[in-house]
């Protein structure tokens, strides 16, 4: 979407509670990546339709999206994973200030090493991947095994500021990241057991739904 449309949508989004607004300001001040406003609103809309009871989030950061999900889904429990100690502590602090935060279970550590602990909290009706972009495929392979029968995986940042559509990316580190996301997107779209759609909202959200027997 062009900037004018994005600003228009942002201007009509309902005002967020004071704690959420504080978290948005904190993220901007401390350069913490949280979901873009248009993207998080789209994700919450899809989750309200799905009504998952148990959600796994890979990548807590400061707890922004976890708390937004908890507020939007009062009958859901969110299990969220974070490996950065400073961000984990910030998330704990913010979540402790909200009644909805009591339904968020925070686990500290590398998501690729927490499988056994996470499994104790599953199965999950929804999985939200929003962590190290270069590891998306590994996250998906590990945790999609913990999905319920009607489960959905949501992957954020899959368009990476539109760079996945560019033929050449100059900076090597960014180029490698883009290549991994391109491979992930192609792998998702051709997955034997999932149907995937990619929405060009926020930084790009992939929605992967388990295939039924006739899908």
N, C-alpha and C. Protein backbone atom coordinates (compact mmCIF):
# COMPACT_ATOMS: atom_id res chain seq x y z
N UNK A 1 0.84 -1.19 0.00
CA UNK A 1 0.00 0.00 0.00
C UNK A 1 0.88 1.25 0.00
N UNK A 2 0.39 2.31 -0.64
CA UNK A 2 1.18 3.54 -0.61
C UNK A 2 1.03 4.24 0.73
N UNK A 3 1.94 5.17 1.00
CA UNK A 3 1.99 5.83 2.30
C UNK A 3 0.70 6.58 2.62
N UNK A 4 0.07 7.17 1.62
CA UNK A 4 -1.16 7.93 1.85
C UNK A 4 -2.27 7.03 2.38
N UNK A 5 -2.39 5.85 1.79
CA UNK A 5 -3.41 4.90 2.24
C UNK A 5 -3.10 4.41 3.65
N UNK A 6 -1.83 4.12 3.91
CA UNK A 6 -1.43 3.66 5.25
C UNK A 6 -1.76 4.70 6.30
N UNK A 7 -1.41 5.96 6.02
CA UNK A 7 -1.69 7.03 6.98
C UNK A 7 -3.20 7.20 7.18
N UNK A 8 -3.97 7.00 6.12
CA UNK A 8 -5.42 7.11 6.24
C UNK A 8 -5.95 6.04 7.19
N UNK A 9 -5.51 4.79 7.00
CA UNK A 9 -5.99 3.70 7.86
C UNK A 9 -5.57 3.94 9.30
N UNK A 10 -4.32 4.37 9.49
CA UNK A 10 -3.83 4.65 10.84
C UNK A 10 -4.66 5.74 11.51
N UNK A 11 -5.13 6.70 10.73
CA UNK A 11 -5.87 7.83 11.30
C UNK A 11 -7.25 7.44 11.81
N UNK A 12 -7.80 6.34 11.31
CA UNK A 12 -9.15 5.94 11.72
C UNK A 12 -9.15 4.72 12.64
N UNK A 13 -7.96 4.17 12.94
CA UNK A 13 -7.87 3.06 13.89
C UNK A 13 -8.27 3.57 15.27
N UNK A 14 -9.03 2.77 15.97
CA UNK A 14 -9.48 3.13 17.30
C UNK A 14 -8.30 3.44 18.22
N UNK A 15 -8.43 4.45 19.05
CA UNK A 15 -7.36 4.83 19.97
C UNK A 15 -7.03 3.68 20.90
N UNK A 16 -5.74 3.40 21.06
CA UNK A 16 -5.32 2.29 21.91
C UNK A 16 -5.31 2.69 23.38
N UNK A 17 -5.46 1.70 24.29
CA UNK A 17 -5.37 1.98 25.73
C UNK A 17 -4.02 2.62 26.08
N UNK A 18 -3.97 3.28 27.21
CA UNK A 18 -2.77 4.02 27.62
C UNK A 18 -1.53 3.14 27.67
N UNK A 19 -1.66 1.91 28.19
CA UNK A 19 -0.50 1.03 28.30
C UNK A 19 0.02 0.65 26.92
N UNK A 20 -0.87 0.38 26.00
CA UNK A 20 -0.46 0.03 24.64
C UNK A 20 0.24 1.22 23.98
N UNK A 21 -0.32 2.41 24.17
CA UNK A 21 0.31 3.61 23.61
C UNK A 21 1.70 3.82 24.21
N UNK A 22 1.85 3.53 25.49
CA UNK A 22 3.15 3.64 26.15
C UNK A 22 4.15 2.65 25.55
N UNK A 23 3.68 1.45 25.26
CA UNK A 23 4.55 0.43 24.66
C UNK A 23 4.98 0.85 23.25
N UNK A 24 4.08 1.45 22.51
CA UNK A 24 4.42 1.94 21.17
C UNK A 24 5.49 3.01 21.24
N UNK A 25 5.36 3.90 22.22
CA UNK A 25 6.35 4.96 22.40
C UNK A 25 7.69 4.38 22.84
N UNK A 26 7.65 3.41 23.75
CA UNK A 26 8.87 2.75 24.23
C UNK A 26 9.60 2.09 23.06
N UNK A 27 8.84 1.39 22.22
CA UNK A 27 9.44 0.69 21.09
C UNK A 27 10.13 1.66 20.14
N UNK A 28 9.48 2.79 19.90
CA UNK A 28 10.08 3.80 19.01
C UNK A 28 11.33 4.40 19.63
N UNK A 29 11.28 4.70 20.92
CA UNK A 29 12.41 5.32 21.61
C UNK A 29 13.61 4.39 21.69
N UNK A 30 13.34 3.11 21.93
CA UNK A 30 14.43 2.14 22.13
C UNK A 30 14.71 1.29 20.90
N UNK A 31 14.12 1.68 19.78
CA UNK A 31 14.36 0.99 18.51
C UNK A 31 14.05 -0.51 18.60
N UNK A 32 12.92 -0.82 19.21
CA UNK A 32 12.46 -2.21 19.31
C UNK A 32 11.44 -2.47 18.20
N UNK A 33 11.68 -3.48 17.36
CA UNK A 33 10.73 -3.74 16.27
C UNK A 33 9.43 -4.35 16.79
N UNK A 34 8.33 -3.66 16.60
CA UNK A 34 7.01 -4.21 16.89
C UNK A 34 6.21 -4.13 15.59
N UNK A 35 5.09 -4.82 15.54
CA UNK A 35 4.29 -4.83 14.33
C UNK A 35 3.80 -3.43 13.98
N UNK A 36 3.80 -3.13 12.69
CA UNK A 36 3.22 -1.88 12.23
C UNK A 36 1.73 -1.86 12.57
N UNK A 37 1.19 -0.66 12.80
CA UNK A 37 -0.19 -0.54 13.25
C UNK A 37 -1.18 -1.21 12.30
N UNK A 38 -1.03 -0.98 11.00
CA UNK A 38 -1.94 -1.58 10.03
C UNK A 38 -1.81 -3.10 10.05
N UNK A 39 -0.59 -3.59 10.21
CA UNK A 39 -0.36 -5.03 10.24
C UNK A 39 -0.97 -5.69 11.46
N UNK A 40 -0.77 -5.11 12.65
CA UNK A 40 -1.32 -5.71 13.86
C UNK A 40 -2.83 -5.68 13.85
N UNK A 41 -3.42 -4.62 13.31
CA UNK A 41 -4.88 -4.55 13.23
C UNK A 41 -5.42 -5.63 12.29
N UNK A 42 -4.72 -5.88 11.19
CA UNK A 42 -5.13 -6.94 10.27
C UNK A 42 -5.02 -8.31 10.94
N UNK A 43 -3.91 -8.53 11.65
CA UNK A 43 -3.73 -9.81 12.35
C UNK A 43 -4.82 -10.03 13.39
N UNK A 44 -5.12 -8.99 14.17
CA UNK A 44 -6.16 -9.12 15.19
C UNK A 44 -7.52 -9.39 14.56
N UNK A 45 -7.77 -8.79 13.41
CA UNK A 45 -9.03 -9.06 12.72
C UNK A 45 -9.15 -10.52 12.32
N UNK A 46 -8.07 -11.09 11.81
CA UNK A 46 -8.10 -12.50 11.42
C UNK A 46 -8.24 -13.41 12.63
N UNK A 47 -7.58 -13.06 13.72
CA UNK A 47 -7.68 -13.86 14.93
C UNK A 47 -9.08 -13.79 15.54
N UNK A 48 -9.71 -12.63 15.45
CA UNK A 48 -11.09 -12.52 15.97
C UNK A 48 -12.03 -13.44 15.19
N UNK A 49 -11.77 -13.58 13.90
CA UNK A 49 -12.58 -14.50 13.09
C UNK A 49 -12.29 -15.95 13.47
N UNK A 50 -11.02 -16.26 13.62
CA UNK A 50 -10.63 -17.64 13.93
C UNK A 50 -10.99 -18.05 15.35
N UNK A 51 -10.87 -17.13 16.31
CA UNK A 51 -11.12 -17.39 17.72
C UNK A 51 -10.30 -18.57 18.28
N UNK A 52 -8.97 -18.49 18.17
CA UNK A 52 -8.12 -19.55 18.74
C UNK A 52 -8.13 -19.49 20.26
N UNK A 53 -8.10 -20.66 20.88
CA UNK A 53 -8.06 -20.72 22.35
C UNK A 53 -6.63 -20.65 22.88
N UNK A 54 -5.70 -21.22 22.13
CA UNK A 54 -4.30 -21.21 22.55
C UNK A 54 -3.44 -20.74 21.38
N UNK A 55 -2.62 -19.73 21.65
CA UNK A 55 -1.77 -19.11 20.63
C UNK A 55 -0.32 -19.23 21.05
N UNK A 56 0.54 -19.60 20.12
CA UNK A 56 1.98 -19.59 20.35
C UNK A 56 2.58 -18.44 19.55
N UNK A 57 3.33 -17.58 20.22
CA UNK A 57 4.02 -16.48 19.56
C UNK A 57 5.52 -16.70 19.64
N UNK A 58 6.17 -16.69 18.50
CA UNK A 58 7.63 -16.85 18.46
C UNK A 58 8.22 -15.46 18.24
N UNK A 59 8.74 -14.87 19.28
CA UNK A 59 9.28 -13.52 19.24
C UNK A 59 8.44 -12.55 20.04
N UNK A 60 8.70 -12.46 21.34
CA UNK A 60 7.93 -11.61 22.24
C UNK A 60 8.27 -10.14 22.09
N UNK A 61 9.57 -9.86 21.94
CA UNK A 61 10.09 -8.49 22.03
C UNK A 61 9.65 -7.91 23.38
N UNK A 62 8.90 -6.81 23.40
CA UNK A 62 8.48 -6.21 24.68
C UNK A 62 7.05 -6.61 25.06
N UNK A 63 6.49 -7.59 24.36
CA UNK A 63 5.16 -8.08 24.71
C UNK A 63 4.01 -7.34 24.05
N UNK A 64 4.33 -6.49 23.07
CA UNK A 64 3.30 -5.66 22.44
C UNK A 64 2.23 -6.49 21.75
N UNK A 65 2.63 -7.33 20.81
CA UNK A 65 1.64 -8.11 20.06
C UNK A 65 0.97 -9.15 20.95
N UNK A 66 1.70 -9.70 21.92
CA UNK A 66 1.10 -10.66 22.84
C UNK A 66 -0.04 -10.01 23.62
N UNK A 67 0.20 -8.80 24.11
CA UNK A 67 -0.83 -8.11 24.88
C UNK A 67 -1.98 -7.68 23.98
N UNK A 68 -1.68 -7.25 22.77
CA UNK A 68 -2.76 -6.88 21.84
C UNK A 68 -3.65 -8.09 21.55
N UNK A 69 -3.03 -9.26 21.38
CA UNK A 69 -3.81 -10.48 21.14
C UNK A 69 -4.64 -10.85 22.36
N UNK A 70 -4.04 -10.73 23.54
CA UNK A 70 -4.76 -11.07 24.77
C UNK A 70 -5.97 -10.14 24.97
N UNK A 71 -5.81 -8.87 24.66
CA UNK A 71 -6.91 -7.92 24.80
C UNK A 71 -8.02 -8.21 23.80
N UNK A 72 -7.64 -8.58 22.58
CA UNK A 72 -8.63 -8.82 21.52
C UNK A 72 -9.36 -10.14 21.69
N UNK A 73 -8.72 -11.08 22.39
CA UNK A 73 -9.27 -12.44 22.52
C UNK A 73 -9.34 -12.81 24.00
N UNK A 74 -10.39 -12.38 24.68
CA UNK A 74 -10.47 -12.56 26.14
C UNK A 74 -10.57 -14.00 26.61
N UNK A 75 -10.79 -14.94 25.70
CA UNK A 75 -10.88 -16.35 26.10
C UNK A 75 -9.66 -17.16 25.62
N UNK A 76 -8.62 -16.44 25.24
CA UNK A 76 -7.42 -17.10 24.72
C UNK A 76 -6.25 -17.01 25.70
N UNK A 77 -5.36 -17.99 25.59
CA UNK A 77 -4.09 -17.98 26.31
C UNK A 77 -2.97 -17.86 25.29
N UNK A 78 -2.01 -17.01 25.55
CA UNK A 78 -0.88 -16.81 24.64
C UNK A 78 0.40 -17.29 25.30
N UNK A 79 1.14 -18.14 24.63
CA UNK A 79 2.47 -18.57 25.07
C UNK A 79 3.47 -17.89 24.14
N UNK A 80 4.40 -17.14 24.71
CA UNK A 80 5.29 -16.35 23.87
C UNK A 80 6.76 -16.56 24.25
N UNK A 81 7.63 -16.58 23.26
CA UNK A 81 9.04 -16.93 23.44
C UNK A 81 9.96 -15.76 23.09
N UNK A 82 10.96 -15.54 23.92
CA UNK A 82 11.91 -14.46 23.66
C UNK A 82 13.30 -14.85 24.17
N UNK A 83 14.33 -14.58 23.37
CA UNK A 83 15.70 -14.94 23.75
C UNK A 83 16.53 -13.76 24.24
N UNK A 84 16.06 -12.53 23.98
CA UNK A 84 16.80 -11.34 24.41
C UNK A 84 16.38 -10.99 25.83
N UNK A 85 17.34 -11.02 26.76
CA UNK A 85 17.01 -10.86 28.18
C UNK A 85 16.43 -9.49 28.49
N UNK A 86 16.98 -8.44 27.91
CA UNK A 86 16.48 -7.09 28.17
C UNK A 86 15.04 -6.93 27.69
N UNK A 87 14.76 -7.43 26.50
CA UNK A 87 13.40 -7.34 25.98
C UNK A 87 12.44 -8.23 26.77
N UNK A 88 12.94 -9.40 27.17
CA UNK A 88 12.11 -10.30 27.97
C UNK A 88 11.71 -9.63 29.28
N UNK A 89 12.65 -8.99 29.94
CA UNK A 89 12.37 -8.30 31.19
C UNK A 89 11.38 -7.15 30.98
N UNK A 90 11.54 -6.42 29.87
CA UNK A 90 10.62 -5.33 29.56
C UNK A 90 9.21 -5.88 29.34
N UNK A 91 9.13 -7.01 28.63
CA UNK A 91 7.83 -7.63 28.38
C UNK A 91 7.16 -8.04 29.69
N UNK A 92 7.92 -8.66 30.57
CA UNK A 92 7.40 -9.07 31.87
C UNK A 92 6.82 -7.87 32.62
N UNK A 93 7.55 -6.76 32.57
CA UNK A 93 7.12 -5.56 33.27
C UNK A 93 5.83 -5.01 32.69
N UNK A 94 5.77 -4.89 31.38
CA UNK A 94 4.56 -4.36 30.74
C UNK A 94 3.35 -5.29 30.97
N UNK A 95 3.55 -6.57 30.78
CA UNK A 95 2.45 -7.53 30.91
C UNK A 95 1.90 -7.58 32.33
N UNK A 96 2.77 -7.37 33.31
CA UNK A 96 2.34 -7.41 34.71
C UNK A 96 1.40 -6.27 35.07
N UNK A 97 1.35 -5.26 34.22
CA UNK A 97 0.52 -4.09 34.49
C UNK A 97 -0.88 -4.20 33.87
N UNK A 98 -1.17 -5.33 33.27
CA UNK A 98 -2.46 -5.52 32.61
C UNK A 98 -3.14 -6.79 33.08
N UNK A 99 -4.44 -6.74 33.30
CA UNK A 99 -5.20 -7.94 33.64
C UNK A 99 -5.11 -8.97 32.52
N UNK A 100 -5.14 -8.48 31.28
CA UNK A 100 -5.04 -9.39 30.13
C UNK A 100 -3.67 -10.06 30.08
N UNK A 101 -2.66 -9.38 30.62
CA UNK A 101 -1.32 -9.95 30.63
C UNK A 101 -1.21 -11.22 31.46
N UNK A 102 -2.19 -11.46 32.34
CA UNK A 102 -2.17 -12.67 33.16
C UNK A 102 -2.42 -13.93 32.32
N UNK A 103 -2.94 -13.74 31.11
CA UNK A 103 -3.18 -14.88 30.22
C UNK A 103 -2.04 -15.07 29.22
N UNK A 104 -0.94 -14.38 29.47
CA UNK A 104 0.23 -14.51 28.61
C UNK A 104 1.33 -15.25 29.40
N UNK A 105 1.78 -16.38 28.85
CA UNK A 105 2.85 -17.17 29.45
C UNK A 105 4.14 -16.85 28.70
N UNK A 106 5.13 -16.30 29.39
CA UNK A 106 6.39 -15.92 28.75
C UNK A 106 7.47 -16.95 29.05
N UNK A 107 8.14 -17.40 28.00
CA UNK A 107 9.23 -18.37 28.14
C UNK A 107 10.51 -17.75 27.60
N UNK A 108 11.58 -17.83 28.37
CA UNK A 108 12.85 -17.22 27.98
C UNK A 108 13.76 -18.26 27.36
N UNK A 109 14.33 -17.92 26.20
CA UNK A 109 15.30 -18.80 25.56
C UNK A 109 15.17 -18.76 24.05
N UNK A 110 16.08 -19.47 23.38
CA UNK A 110 16.07 -19.58 21.93
C UNK A 110 14.90 -20.46 21.51
N UNK A 111 14.07 -19.96 20.61
CA UNK A 111 12.88 -20.71 20.19
C UNK A 111 13.22 -22.08 19.62
N UNK A 112 14.39 -22.21 19.01
CA UNK A 112 14.77 -23.50 18.43
C UNK A 112 15.21 -24.50 19.49
N UNK A 113 15.33 -24.04 20.73
CA UNK A 113 15.74 -24.92 21.82
C UNK A 113 14.65 -25.13 22.87
N UNK A 114 13.48 -24.54 22.64
CA UNK A 114 12.41 -24.58 23.64
C UNK A 114 11.27 -25.53 23.27
N UNK A 115 11.47 -26.32 22.24
CA UNK A 115 10.40 -27.17 21.75
C UNK A 115 9.76 -28.05 22.82
N UNK A 116 10.58 -28.70 23.63
CA UNK A 116 10.07 -29.62 24.65
C UNK A 116 9.22 -28.87 25.68
N UNK A 117 9.68 -27.68 26.09
CA UNK A 117 8.94 -26.89 27.07
C UNK A 117 7.65 -26.36 26.46
N UNK A 118 7.71 -25.89 25.23
CA UNK A 118 6.52 -25.35 24.57
C UNK A 118 5.46 -26.42 24.39
N UNK A 119 5.88 -27.63 24.07
CA UNK A 119 4.93 -28.72 23.82
C UNK A 119 4.03 -28.98 25.02
N UNK A 120 4.51 -28.67 26.21
CA UNK A 120 3.71 -28.86 27.42
C UNK A 120 2.48 -27.96 27.44
N UNK A 121 2.53 -26.86 26.68
CA UNK A 121 1.44 -25.89 26.67
C UNK A 121 0.50 -26.07 25.48
N UNK A 122 0.84 -26.98 24.56
CA UNK A 122 0.06 -27.17 23.34
C UNK A 122 -1.04 -28.19 23.51
N UNK A 123 -1.73 -28.53 22.42
CA UNK A 123 -1.53 -28.00 21.06
C UNK A 123 -2.06 -26.57 20.93
N UNK A 124 -1.68 -25.92 19.81
CA UNK A 124 -2.04 -24.52 19.60
C UNK A 124 -2.97 -24.39 18.39
N UNK A 125 -3.92 -23.49 18.52
CA UNK A 125 -4.84 -23.22 17.41
C UNK A 125 -4.25 -22.21 16.44
N UNK A 126 -3.33 -21.39 16.92
CA UNK A 126 -2.66 -20.40 16.07
C UNK A 126 -1.22 -20.26 16.50
N UNK A 127 -0.34 -20.10 15.53
CA UNK A 127 1.07 -19.83 15.79
C UNK A 127 1.42 -18.55 15.04
N UNK A 128 2.07 -17.63 15.74
CA UNK A 128 2.47 -16.36 15.15
C UNK A 128 3.99 -16.28 15.15
N UNK A 129 4.58 -16.26 13.96
CA UNK A 129 6.03 -16.21 13.83
C UNK A 129 6.46 -14.77 13.55
N UNK A 130 7.25 -14.22 14.47
CA UNK A 130 7.70 -12.83 14.34
C UNK A 130 9.04 -12.67 15.04
N UNK A 131 10.00 -13.49 14.63
CA UNK A 131 11.32 -13.47 15.28
C UNK A 131 12.39 -13.37 14.19
N UNK A 132 13.52 -14.02 14.38
CA UNK A 132 14.63 -13.94 13.43
C UNK A 132 14.18 -14.43 12.05
N UNK A 133 14.18 -13.54 11.07
CA UNK A 133 13.64 -13.86 9.74
C UNK A 133 14.38 -15.02 9.07
N UNK A 134 15.67 -15.10 9.33
CA UNK A 134 16.45 -16.16 8.71
C UNK A 134 16.12 -17.55 9.22
N UNK A 135 15.35 -17.64 10.31
CA UNK A 135 15.02 -18.93 10.93
C UNK A 135 13.55 -19.31 10.74
N UNK A 136 12.82 -18.55 9.94
CA UNK A 136 11.38 -18.81 9.81
C UNK A 136 11.06 -20.25 9.42
N UNK A 137 11.79 -20.79 8.46
CA UNK A 137 11.50 -22.15 8.00
C UNK A 137 11.70 -23.15 9.13
N UNK A 138 12.77 -22.99 9.90
CA UNK A 138 13.03 -23.89 11.02
C UNK A 138 11.94 -23.75 12.09
N UNK A 139 11.52 -22.49 12.37
CA UNK A 139 10.44 -22.28 13.34
C UNK A 139 9.17 -23.00 12.89
N UNK A 140 8.86 -22.84 11.62
CA UNK A 140 7.64 -23.44 11.08
C UNK A 140 7.70 -24.96 11.19
N UNK A 141 8.82 -25.55 10.78
CA UNK A 141 8.95 -27.01 10.80
C UNK A 141 8.83 -27.55 12.23
N UNK A 142 9.45 -26.85 13.17
CA UNK A 142 9.43 -27.32 14.55
C UNK A 142 8.05 -27.19 15.19
N UNK A 143 7.43 -26.03 15.06
CA UNK A 143 6.23 -25.76 15.84
C UNK A 143 4.92 -26.05 15.12
N UNK A 144 4.92 -26.18 13.81
CA UNK A 144 3.68 -26.55 13.12
C UNK A 144 3.22 -27.94 13.53
N UNK A 145 4.14 -28.76 14.04
CA UNK A 145 3.79 -30.08 14.54
C UNK A 145 2.90 -29.98 15.79
N UNK A 146 2.87 -28.81 16.42
CA UNK A 146 2.08 -28.62 17.64
C UNK A 146 0.74 -27.94 17.37
N UNK A 147 0.38 -27.81 16.08
CA UNK A 147 -0.89 -27.19 15.73
C UNK A 147 -2.05 -28.15 15.95
N UNK A 148 -3.19 -27.59 16.33
CA UNK A 148 -4.42 -28.37 16.40
C UNK A 148 -4.88 -28.67 14.97
N UNK A 149 -5.90 -29.48 14.83
CA UNK A 149 -6.34 -29.92 13.51
C UNK A 149 -6.74 -28.76 12.59
N UNK A 150 -7.35 -27.73 13.16
CA UNK A 150 -7.79 -26.57 12.38
C UNK A 150 -6.82 -25.39 12.54
N UNK A 151 -5.59 -25.69 12.89
CA UNK A 151 -4.63 -24.64 13.21
C UNK A 151 -4.18 -23.79 12.03
N UNK A 152 -3.75 -22.58 12.36
CA UNK A 152 -3.27 -21.61 11.37
C UNK A 152 -1.94 -21.03 11.83
N UNK A 153 -1.00 -20.89 10.90
CA UNK A 153 0.27 -20.24 11.18
C UNK A 153 0.28 -18.88 10.49
N UNK A 154 0.57 -17.84 11.26
CA UNK A 154 0.69 -16.48 10.73
C UNK A 154 2.17 -16.09 10.79
N UNK A 155 2.74 -15.70 9.65
CA UNK A 155 4.15 -15.30 9.60
C UNK A 155 4.23 -13.82 9.23
N UNK A 156 4.87 -13.03 10.07
CA UNK A 156 4.97 -11.59 9.81
C UNK A 156 6.26 -11.28 9.05
N UNK A 157 6.30 -10.09 8.44
CA UNK A 157 7.49 -9.56 7.77
C UNK A 157 7.90 -10.33 6.52
N UNK A 158 7.00 -11.09 5.91
CA UNK A 158 7.40 -11.93 4.78
C UNK A 158 7.66 -11.14 3.50
N UNK A 159 7.25 -9.87 3.46
CA UNK A 159 7.57 -9.03 2.29
C UNK A 159 8.76 -8.12 2.55
N UNK A 160 9.16 -8.00 3.80
CA UNK A 160 10.40 -7.31 4.20
C UNK A 160 10.58 -5.98 3.47
N UNK A 161 9.64 -5.08 3.71
CA UNK A 161 9.67 -3.73 3.13
C UNK A 161 9.69 -3.75 1.60
N UNK A 162 9.15 -4.81 1.03
CA UNK A 162 9.09 -4.93 -0.42
C UNK A 162 10.36 -5.46 -1.06
N UNK A 163 11.38 -5.72 -0.25
CA UNK A 163 12.67 -6.14 -0.81
C UNK A 163 12.62 -7.52 -1.45
N UNK A 164 11.68 -8.37 -1.02
CA UNK A 164 11.59 -9.71 -1.60
C UNK A 164 11.21 -9.65 -3.08
N UNK A 165 10.66 -8.52 -3.53
CA UNK A 165 10.25 -8.37 -4.93
C UNK A 165 11.35 -7.77 -5.80
N UNK A 166 12.47 -7.38 -5.18
CA UNK A 166 13.57 -6.78 -5.93
C UNK A 166 14.52 -7.85 -6.44
N UNK A 167 15.02 -7.65 -7.65
CA UNK A 167 15.95 -8.62 -8.24
C UNK A 167 17.34 -8.51 -7.63
N UNK A 168 17.75 -7.29 -7.26
CA UNK A 168 19.08 -7.09 -6.70
C UNK A 168 19.00 -6.27 -5.41
N UNK A 169 19.68 -6.73 -4.37
CA UNK A 169 19.79 -6.01 -3.11
C UNK A 169 21.28 -5.80 -2.86
N UNK A 170 21.69 -4.55 -2.71
CA UNK A 170 23.13 -4.24 -2.66
C UNK A 170 23.82 -4.75 -1.40
N UNK A 171 23.25 -4.47 -0.22
CA UNK A 171 23.92 -4.82 1.03
C UNK A 171 23.89 -6.33 1.26
N UNK A 172 25.05 -6.93 1.51
CA UNK A 172 25.16 -8.39 1.57
C UNK A 172 24.30 -8.99 2.67
N UNK A 173 24.34 -8.40 3.89
CA UNK A 173 23.58 -8.97 5.00
C UNK A 173 22.09 -8.94 4.70
N UNK A 174 21.62 -7.83 4.14
CA UNK A 174 20.21 -7.70 3.79
C UNK A 174 19.88 -8.65 2.64
N UNK A 175 20.79 -8.78 1.69
CA UNK A 175 20.58 -9.66 0.55
C UNK A 175 20.38 -11.11 1.00
N UNK A 176 21.19 -11.55 1.96
CA UNK A 176 21.04 -12.92 2.48
C UNK A 176 19.71 -13.11 3.18
N UNK A 177 19.28 -12.09 3.93
CA UNK A 177 17.99 -12.15 4.62
C UNK A 177 16.85 -12.23 3.62
N UNK A 178 16.94 -11.41 2.58
CA UNK A 178 15.90 -11.40 1.55
C UNK A 178 15.82 -12.76 0.87
N UNK A 179 16.98 -13.34 0.57
CA UNK A 179 17.01 -14.65 -0.09
C UNK A 179 16.33 -15.71 0.77
N UNK A 180 16.59 -15.67 2.07
CA UNK A 180 15.98 -16.66 2.96
C UNK A 180 14.47 -16.47 3.03
N UNK A 181 14.01 -15.23 3.03
CA UNK A 181 12.58 -14.98 3.04
C UNK A 181 11.93 -15.38 1.72
N UNK A 182 12.60 -15.14 0.62
CA UNK A 182 12.09 -15.58 -0.68
C UNK A 182 11.94 -17.09 -0.71
N UNK A 183 12.95 -17.79 -0.19
CA UNK A 183 12.90 -19.25 -0.14
C UNK A 183 11.76 -19.72 0.77
N UNK A 184 11.61 -19.03 1.90
CA UNK A 184 10.55 -19.39 2.85
C UNK A 184 9.18 -19.21 2.21
N UNK A 185 8.98 -18.08 1.55
CA UNK A 185 7.69 -17.80 0.93
C UNK A 185 7.36 -18.84 -0.14
N UNK A 186 8.35 -19.16 -0.97
CA UNK A 186 8.14 -20.15 -2.03
C UNK A 186 7.85 -21.52 -1.43
N UNK A 187 8.58 -21.86 -0.38
CA UNK A 187 8.38 -23.15 0.31
C UNK A 187 6.97 -23.22 0.90
N UNK A 188 6.55 -22.14 1.53
CA UNK A 188 5.20 -22.10 2.11
C UNK A 188 4.13 -22.27 1.04
N UNK A 189 4.25 -21.54 -0.04
CA UNK A 189 3.23 -21.55 -1.08
C UNK A 189 3.10 -22.91 -1.76
N UNK A 190 4.15 -23.72 -1.65
CA UNK A 190 4.14 -25.05 -2.28
C UNK A 190 4.12 -26.18 -1.26
N UNK A 191 3.77 -25.85 -0.01
CA UNK A 191 3.81 -26.84 1.06
C UNK A 191 2.73 -27.92 0.84
N UNK A 192 3.12 -29.14 1.05
CA UNK A 192 2.22 -30.27 0.81
C UNK A 192 1.04 -30.29 1.78
N UNK A 193 1.23 -29.78 2.99
CA UNK A 193 0.21 -29.92 4.03
C UNK A 193 -0.47 -28.61 4.44
N UNK A 194 -0.11 -27.50 3.79
CA UNK A 194 -0.70 -26.21 4.13
C UNK A 194 -1.09 -25.43 2.88
N UNK A 195 -2.21 -24.72 2.98
CA UNK A 195 -2.57 -23.72 1.98
C UNK A 195 -2.13 -22.36 2.53
N UNK A 196 -1.44 -21.58 1.72
CA UNK A 196 -0.91 -20.29 2.19
C UNK A 196 -1.34 -19.15 1.28
N UNK A 197 -1.69 -18.04 1.91
CA UNK A 197 -1.93 -16.78 1.20
C UNK A 197 -1.05 -15.72 1.84
N UNK A 198 -0.53 -14.81 1.02
CA UNK A 198 0.29 -13.72 1.53
C UNK A 198 -0.46 -12.41 1.31
N UNK A 199 -0.66 -11.68 2.42
CA UNK A 199 -1.36 -10.40 2.35
C UNK A 199 -0.37 -9.25 2.40
N UNK A 200 -0.45 -8.30 1.47
CA UNK A 200 0.46 -7.15 1.46
C UNK A 200 0.00 -6.06 2.42
N UNK A 201 -0.12 -6.40 3.70
CA UNK A 201 -0.48 -5.43 4.73
C UNK A 201 0.67 -5.38 5.74
N UNK A 202 0.85 -4.21 6.35
CA UNK A 202 1.99 -4.06 7.25
C UNK A 202 3.27 -4.37 6.49
N UNK A 203 4.05 -5.31 7.01
CA UNK A 203 5.28 -5.72 6.33
C UNK A 203 5.10 -7.06 5.64
N UNK A 204 3.83 -7.43 5.41
CA UNK A 204 3.52 -8.69 4.74
C UNK A 204 3.21 -9.79 5.74
N UNK A 205 2.03 -10.38 5.64
CA UNK A 205 1.64 -11.45 6.55
C UNK A 205 1.26 -12.67 5.72
N UNK A 206 1.89 -13.81 6.00
CA UNK A 206 1.54 -15.07 5.37
C UNK A 206 0.59 -15.83 6.29
N UNK A 207 -0.50 -16.33 5.72
CA UNK A 207 -1.48 -17.10 6.47
C UNK A 207 -1.46 -18.53 5.94
N UNK A 208 -1.07 -19.47 6.78
CA UNK A 208 -0.92 -20.87 6.37
C UNK A 208 -1.90 -21.74 7.15
N UNK A 209 -2.86 -22.30 6.42
CA UNK A 209 -3.91 -23.13 7.04
C UNK A 209 -3.69 -24.58 6.67
N UNK A 210 -3.83 -25.45 7.66
CA UNK A 210 -3.68 -26.87 7.38
C UNK A 210 -4.64 -27.32 6.29
N UNK A 211 -4.15 -28.12 5.37
CA UNK A 211 -4.99 -28.64 4.30
C UNK A 211 -5.91 -29.72 4.86
N UNK A 212 -7.17 -29.70 4.44
CA UNK A 212 -8.06 -30.80 4.77
C UNK A 212 -7.81 -31.95 3.82
N UNK A 213 -8.53 -33.02 3.98
CA UNK A 213 -8.32 -34.20 3.13
C UNK A 213 -8.58 -33.90 1.66
N UNK A 214 -9.49 -32.94 1.37
CA UNK A 214 -9.85 -32.66 -0.02
C UNK A 214 -9.21 -31.36 -0.51
N UNK A 215 -8.40 -30.71 0.30
CA UNK A 215 -7.81 -29.43 -0.10
C UNK A 215 -6.71 -29.62 -1.13
